[in-house]
Amino acid sequence: MNHLEQYLSVSPEVRAALDAGKPVVALESTIISHGMPYPKNVETALHVEEIIRAHGATPATIAIIQGKMTVGCTREQIEYLGKRGLDVPKASRRDLPVLLARGMDGATTVTTTMIAASLAGIRVFATGGIGGVHRGAETTMDISADLEELAQTPVLVICAGCKSILDIGLTLEYLETKGVPVLGYKTKEMPAFYTTHSGFQVDYKMDSPEDVAAAFKAKLACGLKGGMLLTNPIPDQYAMDLDYINENIDAAIVECNTLGIKGKNITPFLLDKIQKLTGGKSLEANIQLVYNNVAVGAEVAKALCKE
């Protein structure tokens, strides 16, 4: 009989923090292997961990390493993922059983990071942006597994909204149907990753980490299935003009369609193309919004640990 321990490895530091009731923030690894080139990816991942520690919480970078969901990657493991880059498969829920059974590596998406975090007992996860309903999904049915995971896994996810390459309106409709609360951190407007503006409203504005933690505690106490989404706008000094970023997104989507790129290859292609079209500005914005999200994530995790 297989036991969870065969497929789940929690670092001593993360386990000690969880056992002591101290705040822990989960982090994904797709941003390391697929989000940016080496060594920028490793530098960013390590700095993200430093920010969480500076805010009084324990970071738990999650990846699949040799067939184990590894919660709390070491510096060496982060370096390994960064150097291997795109050679590490991007792992969503459907990939997880095969990667684990075959002893393979995998870069965890929002979905698989939520799964591993929940199995380890971590309630807070900070990332860049979530997946969503793709433009044209009414014909392609291309909807990110992130949304379904939010509907069933009890993890509070902090992000800068969904990536603006997606259909934000349909993404919010899908989350509403699935009963996932979409909260705005000190804002009522849904941020759109590179920009603070989307033209869409979140369900509720939250004014403090304690406000967020109280809502999530109430959800857990009532046994309400699924997670919660806290959207945190990119800092104004790093935000990009809405029209400018949309023009570049539209150009990238046209090329994507022309080349016939499909499925899980769409998002990495578009993000890379947008980075080139913006002369690297979008990558810098991406990095800064992640830094901002993990700082908020650490504060929320601390608030959750208070009685």
Foldseek 3Di string as FASTA:
>chain_A
DDDLVLAAAEDPVRLVCVVVLHFEAEEFFCCQQQVDAPPVSLVLVVVLQVLLVVLPHGYWYWWGAQLHTYTRDDSVVSVVSNVCRPVAAADAPVRNVVCNVRRHIHGYALHVSLVNCQVSPHAEYEYEAHFAAAVVCVPVVFGDCNLVQQLAGAHEYEYQYHALNGDRVVRLVSNVVSVAAEEEEQDQARGHRQAHHDPHGGPYYADALLSVLVVSVVCVVVVRGGYYYYHYHQPPVLHDDPVVLVVQSVVQVVVCVVVPPDDPVSVSSSSVSSCVVVVNSSVVSSSRRSSVRSNRRSRNSRSNSDD
